């Protein structure tokens, strides 16, 4: 069985900047609305089908949560759904925001 991988914010930034990955955010709706990584898809139980319909299974997926804990379980779930390369963002959104404050916020939709 495939396993998800961990990814540092720096490596995630590189992959996203090059357009080589999709980013999903599993935090609650209010937190997602207050600030998120640019182009992040808000992944919930209700939006899972929409996400899987819109993305090929060979598209690398980076999962973001608050601190990089919950994203591990969600990343493994996406592996079980058939995605081939899934990453859990180490440190989550809180670490990302410290490193890249200029590209997180409510103006990124």
PDB file of N, CA and C in Angstrom:
ATOM      1  N   UNK A   1       0.845  -1.191   0.000  1.00  0.00           N
ATOM      2  CA  UNK A   1       0.000   0.000   0.000  1.00  0.00           C
ATOM      3  C   UNK A   1       0.883   1.243   0.000  1.00  0.00           C
ATOM      4  N   UNK A   2       0.524   2.153  -0.858  1.00  0.00           N
ATOM      5  CA  UNK A   2       1.253   3.422  -0.939  1.00  0.00           C
ATOM      6  C   UNK A   2       1.070   4.226   0.350  1.00  0.00           C
ATOM      7  N   UNK A   3       2.021   5.072   0.614  1.00  0.00           N
ATOM      8  CA  UNK A   3       1.974   5.952   1.775  1.00  0.00           C
ATOM      9  C   UNK A   3       2.106   7.402   1.310  1.00  0.00           C
ATOM     10  N   UNK A   4       1.502   8.289   2.075  1.00  0.00           N
ATOM     11  CA  UNK A   4       1.718   9.710   1.808  1.00  0.00           C
ATOM     12  C   UNK A   4       3.139  10.057   2.215  1.00  0.00           C
ATOM     13  N   UNK A   5       3.608  11.206   1.779  1.00  0.00           N
ATOM     14  CA  UNK A   5       4.940  11.679   2.137  1.00  0.00           C
ATOM     15  C   UNK A   5       4.821  13.022   2.849  1.00  0.00           C
ATOM     16  N   UNK A   6       5.834  13.349   3.609  1.00  0.00           N
ATOM     17  CA  UNK A   6       5.909  14.670   4.240  1.00  0.00           C
ATOM     18  C   UNK A   6       6.592  15.622   3.259  1.00  0.00           C
ATOM     19  N   UNK A   7       6.205  16.901   3.339  1.00  0.00           N
ATOM     20  CA  UNK A   7       6.857  17.899   2.492  1.00  0.00           C
ATOM     21  C   UNK A   7       7.061  19.169   3.313  1.00  0.00           C
ATOM     22  N   UNK A   8       8.231  19.755   3.159  1.00  0.00           N
ATOM     23  CA  UNK A   8       8.518  21.005   3.860  1.00  0.00           C
ATOM     24  C   UNK A   8       7.790  22.145   3.171  1.00  0.00           C
ATOM     25  N   UNK A   9       7.514  23.235   3.888  1.00  0.00           N
ATOM     26  CA  UNK A   9       6.899  24.396   3.235  1.00  0.00           C
ATOM     27  C   UNK A   9       7.724  24.892   2.044  1.00  0.00           C
ATOM     28  N   UNK A  10       9.037  24.835   2.170  1.00  0.00           N
ATOM     29  CA  UNK A  10       9.907  25.314   1.094  1.00  0.00           C
ATOM     30  C   UNK A  10       9.737  24.475  -0.175  1.00  0.00           C
ATOM     31  N   UNK A  11       9.720  23.146  -0.012  1.00  0.00           N
ATOM     32  CA  UNK A  11       9.541  22.278  -1.172  1.00  0.00           C
ATOM     33  C   UNK A  11       8.130  22.399  -1.739  1.00  0.00           C
ATOM     34  N   UNK A  12       7.156  22.556  -0.855  1.00  0.00           N
ATOM     35  CA  UNK A  12       5.774  22.747  -1.309  1.00  0.00           C
ATOM     36  C   UNK A  12       5.666  24.036  -2.114  1.00  0.00           C
ATOM     37  N   UNK A  13       6.307  25.089  -1.625  1.00  0.00           N
ATOM     38  CA  UNK A  13       6.290  26.374  -2.324  1.00  0.00           C
ATOM     39  C   UNK A  13       6.851  26.219  -3.735  1.00  0.00           C
ATOM     40  N   UNK A  14       7.955  25.485  -3.852  1.00  0.00           N
ATOM     41  CA  UNK A  14       8.569  25.264  -5.163  1.00  0.00           C
ATOM     42  C   UNK A  14       7.631  24.512  -6.090  1.00  0.00           C
ATOM     43  N   UNK A  15       7.028  23.430  -5.584  1.00  0.00           N
ATOM     44  CA  UNK A  15       6.114  22.640  -6.418  1.00  0.00           C
ATOM     45  C   UNK A  15       4.922  23.474  -6.868  1.00  0.00           C
ATOM     46  N   UNK A  16       4.361  24.248  -5.945  1.00  0.00           N
ATOM     47  CA  UNK A  16       3.187  25.053  -6.276  1.00  0.00           C
ATOM     48  C   UNK A  16       3.547  26.188  -7.234  1.00  0.00           C
ATOM     49  N   UNK A  17       4.704  26.795  -7.027  1.00  0.00           N
ATOM     50  CA  UNK A  17       5.138  27.888  -7.894  1.00  0.00           C
ATOM     51  C   UNK A  17       5.324  27.426  -9.330  1.00  0.00           C
ATOM     52  N   UNK A  18       5.761  26.181  -9.486  1.00  0.00           N
ATOM     53  CA  UNK A  18       5.990  25.625 -10.814  1.00  0.00           C
ATOM     54  C   UNK A  18       4.727  25.018 -11.411  1.00  0.00           C
ATOM     55  N   UNK A  19       3.629  25.052 -10.639  1.00  0.00           N
ATOM     56  CA  UNK A  19       2.382  24.484 -11.130  1.00  0.00           C
ATOM     57  C   UNK A  19       2.381  22.972 -11.178  1.00  0.00           C
ATOM     58  N   UNK A  20       3.214  22.359 -10.337  1.00  0.00           N
ATOM     59  CA  UNK A  20       3.376  20.908 -10.371  1.00  0.00           C
ATOM     60  C   UNK A  20       2.563  20.165  -9.316  1.00  0.00           C
ATOM     61  N   UNK A  21       1.630  20.841  -8.652  1.00  0.00           N
ATOM     62  CA  UNK A  21       0.855  20.173  -7.606  1.00  0.00           C
ATOM     63  C   UNK A  21      -0.434  20.941  -7.351  1.00  0.00           C
ATOM     64  N   UNK A  22      -1.388  20.227  -6.774  1.00  0.00           N
ATOM     65  CA  UNK A  22      -2.616  20.852  -6.280  1.00  0.00           C
ATOM     66  C   UNK A  22      -2.478  20.977  -4.770  1.00  0.00           C
ATOM     67  N   UNK A  23      -3.062  22.026  -4.200  1.00  0.00           N
ATOM     68  CA  UNK A  23      -3.028  22.207  -2.748  1.00  0.00           C
ATOM     69  C   UNK A  23      -4.453  22.159  -2.220  1.00  0.00           C
ATOM     70  N   UNK A  24      -4.668  21.332  -1.206  1.00  0.00           N
ATOM     71  CA  UNK A  24      -5.974  21.270  -0.557  1.00  0.00           C
ATOM     72  C   UNK A  24      -5.823  21.665   0.902  1.00  0.00           C
ATOM     73  N   UNK A  25      -6.823  22.349   1.420  1.00  0.00           N
ATOM     74  CA  UNK A  25      -6.829  22.845   2.797  1.00  0.00           C
ATOM     75  C   UNK A  25      -8.009  22.190   3.497  1.00  0.00           C
ATOM     76  N   UNK A  26      -7.741  21.502   4.607  1.00  0.00           N
ATOM     77  CA  UNK A  26      -8.801  20.774   5.307  1.00  0.00           C
ATOM     78  C   UNK A  26      -9.245  21.477   6.580  1.00  0.00           C
ATOM     79  N   UNK A  27      -8.785  22.709   6.791  1.00  0.00           N
ATOM     80  CA  UNK A  27      -9.208  23.438   7.994  1.00  0.00           C
ATOM     81  C   UNK A  27     -10.686  23.817   7.890  1.00  0.00           C
ATOM     82  N   UNK A  28     -11.255  24.303   8.980  1.00  0.00           N
ATOM     83  CA  UNK A  28     -12.669  24.667   8.977  1.00  0.00           C
ATOM     84  C   UNK A  28     -12.922  25.859   8.060  1.00  0.00           C
ATOM     85  N   UNK A  29     -14.185  26.034   7.687  1.00  0.00           N
ATOM     86  CA  UNK A  29     -14.581  27.064   6.719  1.00  0.00           C
ATOM     87  C   UNK A  29     -14.139  28.461   7.141  1.00  0.00           C
ATOM     88  N   UNK A  30     -14.340  28.806   8.404  1.00  0.00           N
ATOM     89  CA  UNK A  30     -13.993  30.151   8.872  1.00  0.00           C
ATOM     90  C   UNK A  30     -12.493  30.405   8.754  1.00  0.00           C
ATOM     91  N   UNK A  31     -11.679  29.454   9.166  1.00  0.00           N
ATOM     92  CA  UNK A  31     -10.226  29.613   9.057  1.00  0.00           C
ATOM     93  C   UNK A  31      -9.799  29.719   7.601  1.00  0.00           C
ATOM     94  N   UNK A  32     -10.403  28.895   6.760  1.00  0.00           N
ATOM     95  CA  UNK A  32     -10.086  28.928   5.326  1.00  0.00           C
ATOM     96  C   UNK A  32     -10.418  30.294   4.735  1.00  0.00           C
ATOM     97  N   UNK A  33     -11.566  30.863   5.124  1.00  0.00           N
ATOM     98  CA  UNK A  33     -11.962  32.171   4.605  1.00  0.00           C
ATOM     99  C   UNK A  33     -11.044  33.284   5.108  1.00  0.00           C
ATOM    100  N   UNK A  34     -10.530  33.133   6.317  1.00  0.00           N
ATOM    101  CA  UNK A  34      -9.676  34.179   6.901  1.00  0.00           C
ATOM    102  C   UNK A  34      -8.290  34.212   6.277  1.00  0.00           C
ATOM    103  N   UNK A  35      -7.831  33.100   5.765  1.00  0.00           N
ATOM    104  CA  UNK A  35      -6.508  33.071   5.147  1.00  0.00           C
ATOM    105  C   UNK A  35      -6.174  31.683   4.669  1.00  0.00           C
ATOM    106  N   UNK A  36      -5.563  31.623   3.491  1.00  0.00           N
ATOM    107  CA  UNK A  36      -5.216  30.334   2.913  1.00  0.00           C
ATOM    108  C   UNK A  36      -4.057  30.504   1.936  1.00  0.00           C
ATOM    109  N   UNK A  37      -3.477  29.386   1.577  1.00  0.00           N
ATOM    110  CA  UNK A  37      -2.422  29.375   0.583  1.00  0.00           C
ATOM    111  C   UNK A  37      -3.051  29.656  -0.778  1.00  0.00           C
ATOM    112  N   UNK A  38      -2.363  30.423  -1.572  1.00  0.00           N
ATOM    113  CA  UNK A  38      -2.865  30.784  -2.903  1.00  0.00           C
ATOM    114  C   UNK A  38      -3.301  29.534  -3.680  1.00  0.00           C
ATOM    115  N   UNK A  39      -4.467  29.615  -4.287  1.00  0.00           N
ATOM    116  CA  UNK A  39      -5.044  28.548  -5.117  1.00  0.00           C
ATOM    117  C   UNK A  39      -5.457  27.302  -4.333  1.00  0.00           C
ATOM    118  N   UNK A  40      -5.508  27.389  -3.007  1.00  0.00           N
ATOM    119  CA  UNK A  40      -5.906  26.224  -2.217  1.00  0.00           C
ATOM    120  C   UNK A  40      -7.376  25.883  -2.460  1.00  0.00           C
ATOM    121  N   UNK A  41      -7.652  24.591  -2.523  1.00  0.00           N
ATOM    122  CA  UNK A  41      -9.009  24.076  -2.643  1.00  0.00           C
ATOM    123  C   UNK A  41      -9.454  23.675  -1.246  1.00  0.00           C
ATOM    124  N   UNK A  42     -10.634  24.136  -0.825  1.00  0.00           N
ATOM    125  CA  UNK A  42     -11.132  23.782   0.510  1.00  0.00           C
ATOM    126  C   UNK A  42     -11.743  22.388   0.446  1.00  0.00           C
ATOM    127  N   UNK A  43     -11.004  21.415   0.954  1.00  0.00           N
ATOM    128  CA  UNK A  43     -11.419  20.018   0.879  1.00  0.00           C
ATOM    129  C   UNK A  43     -12.211  19.643   2.124  1.00  0.00           C
ATOM    130  N   UNK A  44     -13.451  19.261   1.899  1.00  0.00           N
ATOM    131  CA  UNK A  44     -14.334  18.799   2.976  1.00  0.00           C
ATOM    132  C   UNK A  44     -14.987  17.502   2.498  1.00  0.00           C
ATOM    133  N   UNK A  45     -15.721  16.861   3.388  1.00  0.00           N
ATOM    134  CA  UNK A  45     -16.456  15.664   2.960  1.00  0.00           C
ATOM    135  C   UNK A  45     -17.389  16.010   1.803  1.00  0.00           C
ATOM    136  N   UNK A  46     -17.965  17.211   1.841  1.00  0.00           N
ATOM    137  CA  UNK A  46     -18.899  17.632   0.815  1.00  0.00           C
ATOM    138  C   UNK A  46     -18.257  18.017  -0.512  1.00  0.00           C
ATOM    139  N   UNK A  47     -16.966  18.362  -0.492  1.00  0.00           N
ATOM    140  CA  UNK A  47     -16.306  18.808  -1.732  1.00  0.00           C
ATOM    141  C   UNK A  47     -15.338  17.766  -2.299  1.00  0.00           C
ATOM    142  N   UNK A  48     -15.237  16.624  -1.652  1.00  0.00           N
ATOM    143  CA  UNK A  48     -14.284  15.597  -2.087  1.00  0.00           C
ATOM    144  C   UNK A  48     -14.547  15.150  -3.526  1.00  0.00           C
ATOM    145  N   UNK A  49     -15.804  14.899  -3.854  1.00  0.00           N
ATOM    146  CA  UNK A  49     -16.120  14.433  -5.211  1.00  0.00           C
ATOM    147  C   UNK A  49     -15.754  15.485  -6.252  1.00  0.00           C
ATOM    148  N   UNK A  50     -16.026  16.740  -5.931  1.00  0.00           N
ATOM    149  CA  UNK A  50     -15.672  17.841  -6.845  1.00  0.00           C
ATOM    150  C   UNK A  50     -14.168  17.865  -7.084  1.00  0.00           C
ATOM    151  N   UNK A  51     -13.391  17.673  -6.018  1.00  0.00           N
ATOM    152  CA  UNK A  51     -11.937  17.685  -6.151  1.00  0.00           C
ATOM    153  C   UNK A  51     -11.449  16.502  -6.984  1.00  0.00           C
ATOM    154  N   UNK A  52     -11.965  15.315  -6.702  1.00  0.00           N
ATOM    155  CA  UNK A  52     -11.497  14.146  -7.447  1.00  0.00           C
ATOM    156  C   UNK A  52     -11.922  14.220  -8.911  1.00  0.00           C
ATOM    157  N   UNK A  53     -13.082  14.815  -9.179  1.00  0.00           N
ATOM    158  CA  UNK A  53     -13.519  14.978 -10.567  1.00  0.00           C
ATOM    159  C   UNK A  53     -12.630  15.958 -11.331  1.00  0.00           C
ATOM    160  N   UNK A  54     -12.097  16.945 -10.625  1.00  0.00           N
ATOM    161  CA  UNK A  54     -11.342  18.023 -11.276  1.00  0.00           C
ATOM    162  C   UNK A  54      -9.846  17.738 -11.397  1.00  0.00           C
ATOM    163  N   UNK A  55      -9.358  16.689 -10.744  1.00  0.00           N
ATOM    164  CA  UNK A  55      -7.921  16.420 -10.725  1.00  0.00           C
ATOM    165  C   UNK A  55      -7.628  14.985 -11.133  1.00  0.00           C
ATOM    166  N   UNK A  56      -6.589  14.834 -11.942  1.00  0.00           N
ATOM    167  CA  UNK A  56      -6.142  13.494 -12.328  1.00  0.00           C
ATOM    168  C   UNK A  56      -5.468  12.823 -11.126  1.00  0.00           C
ATOM    169  N   UNK A  57      -5.542  11.507 -11.067  1.00  0.00           N
ATOM    170  CA  UNK A  57      -4.952  10.784  -9.942  1.00  0.00           C
ATOM    171  C   UNK A  57      -3.426  10.858  -9.928  1.00  0.00           C
ATOM    172  N   UNK A  58      -2.820  11.213 -11.071  1.00  0.00           N
ATOM    173  CA  UNK A  58      -1.361  11.358 -11.074  1.00  0.00           C
ATOM    174  C   UNK A  58      -0.915  12.784 -10.740  1.00  0.00           C
ATOM    175  N   UNK A  59      -1.868  13.665 -10.441  1.00  0.00           N
ATOM    176  CA  UNK A  59      -1.520  15.022  -9.993  1.00  0.00           C
ATOM    177  C   UNK A  59      -1.035  14.960  -8.551  1.00  0.00           C
ATOM    178  N   UNK A  60       0.171  15.445  -8.263  1.00  0.00           N
ATOM    179  CA  UNK A  60       0.607  15.498  -6.863  1.00  0.00           C
ATOM    180  C   UNK A  60      -0.322  16.415  -6.055  1.00  0.00           C
ATOM    181  N   UNK A  61      -0.672  15.979  -4.854  1.00  0.00           N
ATOM    182  CA  UNK A  61      -1.574  16.735  -3.991  1.00  0.00           C
ATOM    183  C   UNK A  61      -0.870  17.020  -2.673  1.00  0.00           C
ATOM    184  N   UNK A  62      -0.891  18.293  -2.257  1.00  0.00           N
ATOM    185  CA  UNK A  62      -0.335  18.705  -0.970  1.00  0.00           C
ATOM    186  C   UNK A  62      -1.510  19.020  -0.049  1.00  0.00           C
ATOM    187  N   UNK A  63      -1.536  18.398   1.120  1.00  0.00           N
ATOM    188  CA  UNK A  63      -2.624  18.592   2.078  1.00  0.00           C
ATOM    189  C   UNK A  63      -2.149  19.498   3.202  1.00  0.00           C
ATOM    190  N   UNK A  64      -2.934  20.540   3.465  1.00  0.00           N
ATOM    191  CA  UNK A  64      -2.618  21.525   4.490  1.00  0.00           C
ATOM    192  C   UNK A  64      -3.698  21.508   5.566  1.00  0.00           C
ATOM    193  N   UNK A  65      -3.271  21.534   6.833  1.00  0.00           N
ATOM    194  CA  UNK A  65      -4.192  21.704   7.945  1.00  0.00           C
ATOM    195  C   UNK A  65      -3.633  22.829   8.819  1.00  0.00           C
ATOM    196  N   UNK A  66      -3.926  22.824  10.101  1.00  0.00           N
ATOM    197  CA  UNK A  66      -3.432  23.888  10.979  1.00  0.00           C
ATOM    198  C   UNK A  66      -1.938  23.754  11.261  1.00  0.00           C
ATOM    199  N   UNK A  67      -1.536  22.562  11.746  1.00  0.00           N
ATOM    200  CA  UNK A  67      -0.159  22.383  12.211  1.00  0.00           C
ATOM    201  C   UNK A  67       0.548  21.176  11.594  1.00  0.00           C
ATOM    202  N   UNK A  68      -0.060  20.541  10.613  1.00  0.00           N
ATOM    203  CA  UNK A  68       0.590  19.405   9.964  1.00  0.00           C
ATOM    204  C   UNK A  68       0.302  18.066  10.601  1.00  0.00           C
ATOM    205  N   UNK A  69      -0.714  17.999  11.465  1.00  0.00           N
ATOM    206  CA  UNK A  69      -1.071  16.737  12.122  1.00  0.00           C
ATOM    207  C   UNK A  69      -2.256  16.082  11.410  1.00  0.00           C
ATOM    208  N   UNK A  70      -3.380  16.777  11.354  1.00  0.00           N
ATOM    209  CA  UNK A  70      -4.590  16.233  10.711  1.00  0.00           C
ATOM    210  C   UNK A  70      -4.360  15.952   9.232  1.00  0.00           C
ATOM    211  N   UNK A  71      -3.485  16.721   8.612  1.00  0.00           N
ATOM    212  CA  UNK A  71      -3.238  16.543   7.180  1.00  0.00           C
ATOM    213  C   UNK A  71      -2.636  15.172   6.882  1.00  0.00           C
ATOM    214  N   UNK A  72      -1.981  14.569   7.851  1.00  0.00           N
ATOM    215  CA  UNK A  72      -1.385  13.253   7.610  1.00  0.00           C
ATOM    216  C   UNK A  72      -2.466  12.204   7.364  1.00  0.00           C
ATOM    217  N   UNK A  73      -3.506  12.228   8.190  1.00  0.00           N
ATOM    218  CA  UNK A  73      -4.604  11.284   8.021  1.00  0.00           C
ATOM    219  C   UNK A  73      -5.350  11.566   6.713  1.00  0.00           C
ATOM    220  N   UNK A  74      -5.570  12.841   6.410  1.00  0.00           N
ATOM    221  CA  UNK A  74      -6.254  13.201   5.167  1.00  0.00           C
ATOM    222  C   UNK A  74      -5.422  12.807   3.954  1.00  0.00           C
ATOM    223  N   UNK A  75      -4.110  12.973   4.042  1.00  0.00           N
ATOM    224  CA  UNK A  75      -3.227  12.595   2.936  1.00  0.00           C
ATOM    225  C   UNK A  75      -3.300  11.089   2.689  1.00  0.00           C
ATOM    226  N   UNK A  76      -3.304  10.322   3.747  1.00  0.00           N
ATOM    227  CA  UNK A  76      -3.396   8.867   3.587  1.00  0.00           C
ATOM    228  C   UNK A  76      -4.754   8.491   2.984  1.00  0.00           C
ATOM    229  N   UNK A  77      -5.799   9.203   3.382  1.00  0.00           N
ATOM    230  CA  UNK A  77      -7.129   8.970   2.815  1.00  0.00           C
ATOM    231  C   UNK A  77      -7.116   9.202   1.303  1.00  0.00           C
ATOM    232  N   UNK A  78      -6.461  10.283   0.861  1.00  0.00           N
ATOM    233  CA  UNK A  78      -6.395  10.571  -0.575  1.00  0.00           C
ATOM    234  C   UNK A  78      -5.614   9.499  -1.330  1.00  0.00           C
ATOM    235  N   UNK A  79      -4.595   8.930  -0.695  1.00  0.00           N
ATOM    236  CA  UNK A  79      -3.878   7.793  -1.287  1.00  0.00           C
ATOM    237  C   UNK A  79      -4.872   6.648  -1.520  1.00  0.00           C
ATOM    238  N   UNK A  80      -5.708   6.377  -0.507  1.00  0.00           N
ATOM    239  CA  UNK A  80      -6.703   5.300  -0.625  1.00  0.00           C
ATOM    240  C   UNK A  80      -7.729   5.598  -1.714  1.00  0.00           C
ATOM    241  N   UNK A  81      -7.954   6.886  -2.006  1.00  0.00           N
ATOM    242  CA  UNK A  81      -8.902   7.259  -3.062  1.00  0.00           C
ATOM    243  C   UNK A  81      -8.308   7.064  -4.447  1.00  0.00           C
ATOM    244  N   UNK A  82      -6.985   6.854  -4.515  1.00  0.00           N
ATOM    245  CA  UNK A  82      -6.353   6.585  -5.797  1.00  0.00           C
ATOM    246  C   UNK A  82      -5.316   7.596  -6.237  1.00  0.00           C
ATOM    247  N   UNK A  83      -5.142   8.684  -5.465  1.00  0.00           N
ATOM    248  CA  UNK A  83      -4.098   9.645  -5.831  1.00  0.00           C
ATOM    249  C   UNK A  83      -2.734   9.008  -5.600  1.00  0.00           C
ATOM    250  N   UNK A  84      -1.826   9.242  -6.529  1.00  0.00           N
ATOM    251  CA  UNK A  84      -0.555   8.525  -6.525  1.00  0.00           C
ATOM    252  C   UNK A  84       0.527   9.191  -5.694  1.00  0.00           C
ATOM    253  N   UNK A  85       0.517  10.519  -5.613  1.00  0.00           N
ATOM    254  CA  UNK A  85       1.554  11.249  -4.872  1.00  0.00           C
ATOM    255  C   UNK A  85       0.860  12.288  -4.000  1.00  0.00           C
ATOM    256  N   UNK A  86       0.815  12.010  -2.699  1.00  0.00           N
ATOM    257  CA  UNK A  86       0.138  12.904  -1.766  1.00  0.00           C
ATOM    258  C   UNK A  86       1.112  13.267  -0.657  1.00  0.00           C
ATOM    259  N   UNK A  87       1.117  14.550  -0.310  1.00  0.00           N
ATOM    260  CA  UNK A  87       2.054  15.082   0.671  1.00  0.00           C
ATOM    261  C   UNK A  87       1.311  15.770   1.800  1.00  0.00           C
ATOM    262  N   UNK A  88       1.810  15.606   3.008  1.00  0.00           N
ATOM    263  CA  UNK A  88       1.311  16.337   4.169  1.00  0.00           C
ATOM    264  C   UNK A  88       2.271  17.495   4.419  1.00  0.00           C
ATOM    265  N   UNK A  89       1.725  18.704   4.455  1.00  0.00           N
ATOM    266  CA  UNK A  89       2.554  19.896   4.640  1.00  0.00           C
ATOM    267  C   UNK A  89       3.043  19.983   6.080  1.00  0.00           C
ATOM    268  N   UNK A  90       4.343  19.811   6.278  1.00  0.00           N
ATOM    269  CA  UNK A  90       4.924  19.887   7.622  1.00  0.00           C
ATOM    270  C   UNK A  90       4.706  21.273   8.220  1.00  0.00           C
ATOM    271  N   UNK A  91       4.182  21.313   9.438  1.00  0.00           N
ATOM    272  CA  UNK A  91       3.949  22.577  10.123  1.00  0.00           C
ATOM    273  C   UNK A  91       2.624  23.224   9.756  1.00  0.00           C
ATOM    274  N   UNK A  92       1.963  22.706   8.735  1.00  0.00           N
ATOM    275  CA  UNK A  92       0.648  23.190   8.344  1.00  0.00           C
ATOM    276  C   UNK A  92       0.621  24.660   7.951  1.00  0.00           C
ATOM    277  N   UNK A  93      -0.585  25.206   7.970  1.00  0.00           N
ATOM    278  CA  UNK A  93      -0.772  26.593   7.548  1.00  0.00           C
ATOM    279  C   UNK A  93      -0.031  27.559   8.468  1.00  0.00           C
ATOM    280  N   UNK A  94       0.039  27.244   9.750  1.00  0.00           N
ATOM    281  CA  UNK A  94       0.704  28.154  10.689  1.00  0.00           C
ATOM    282  C   UNK A  94       2.180  28.326  10.332  1.00  0.00           C
ATOM    283  N   UNK A  95       2.853  27.252   9.969  1.00  0.00           N
ATOM    284  CA  UNK A  95       4.260  27.350   9.562  1.00  0.00           C
ATOM    285  C   UNK A  95       4.378  28.065   8.220  1.00  0.00           C
ATOM    286  N   UNK A  96       3.479  27.742   7.294  1.00  0.00           N
ATOM    287  CA  UNK A  96       3.485  28.386   5.976  1.00  0.00           C
ATOM    288  C   UNK A  96       3.358  29.896   6.133  1.00  0.00           C
ATOM    289  N   UNK A  97       2.415  30.322   6.984  1.00  0.00           N
ATOM    290  CA  UNK A  97       2.145  31.755   7.163  1.00  0.00           C
ATOM    291  C   UNK A  97       3.362  32.482   7.733  1.00  0.00           C
ATOM    292  N   UNK A  98       4.136  31.812   8.551  1.00  0.00           N
ATOM    293  CA  UNK A  98       5.365  32.426   9.090  1.00  0.00           C
ATOM    294  C   UNK A  98       6.405  32.628   7.992  1.00  0.00           C
ATOM    295  N   UNK A  99       6.490  31.664   7.078  1.00  0.00           N
ATOM    296  CA  UNK A  99       7.501  31.719   6.024  1.00  0.00           C
ATOM    297  C   UNK A  99       7.062  32.558   4.829  1.00  0.00           C
ATOM    298  N   UNK A 100       5.771  32.505   4.509  1.00  0.00           N
ATOM    299  CA  UNK A 100       5.253  33.151   3.305  1.00  0.00           C
ATOM    300  C   UNK A 100       4.020  34.002   3.611  1.00  0.00           C
ATOM    301  N   UNK A 101       4.160  35.012   4.464  1.00  0.00           N
ATOM    302  CA  UNK A 101       2.980  35.799   4.839  1.00  0.00           C
ATOM    303  C   UNK A 101       2.402  36.592   3.677  1.00  0.00           C
ATOM    304  N   UNK A 102       3.210  36.825   2.664  1.00  0.00           N
ATOM    305  CA  UNK A 102       2.778  37.659   1.554  1.00  0.00           C
ATOM    306  C   UNK A 102       1.864  36.926   0.583  1.00  0.00           C
ATOM    307  N   UNK A 103       1.713  35.627   0.695  1.00  0.00           N
ATOM    308  CA  UNK A 103       0.821  34.934  -0.214  1.00  0.00           C
ATOM    309  C   UNK A 103      -0.257  34.147   0.526  1.00  0.00           C
ATOM    310  N   UNK A 104      -0.521  34.517   1.769  1.00  0.00           N
ATOM    311  CA  UNK A 104      -1.647  33.941   2.464  1.00  0.00           C
ATOM    312  C   UNK A 104      -2.547  35.072   2.890  1.00  0.00           C
ATOM    313  N   UNK A 105      -3.818  34.844   2.858  1.00  0.00           N
ATOM    314  CA  UNK A 105      -4.755  35.864   3.273  1.00  0.00           C
ATOM    315  C   UNK A 105      -6.034  35.790   2.495  1.00  0.00           C
ATOM    316  N   UNK A 106      -6.994  36.557   2.953  1.00  0.00           N
ATOM    317  CA  UNK A 106      -8.335  36.454   2.388  1.00  0.00           C
ATOM    318  C   UNK A 106      -8.415  36.966   0.955  1.00  0.00           C
ATOM    319  N   UNK A 107      -7.409  37.708   0.498  1.00  0.00           N
ATOM    320  CA  UNK A 107      -7.450  38.202  -0.874  1.00  0.00           C
ATOM    321  C   UNK A 107      -7.070  37.110  -1.882  1.00  0.00           C
ATOM    322  N   UNK A 108      -6.638  35.959  -1.416  1.00  0.00           N
ATOM    323  CA  UNK A 108      -6.291  34.851  -2.316  1.00  0.00           C
ATOM    324  C   UNK A 108      -7.491  33.937  -2.464  1.00  0.00           C
ATOM    325  N   UNK A 109      -8.119  33.994  -3.606  1.00  0.00           N
ATOM    326  CA  UNK A 109      -9.286  33.130  -3.818  1.00  0.00           C
ATOM    327  C   UNK A 109      -9.009  32.146  -4.925  1.00  0.00           C
TER     328      UNK A 109
END
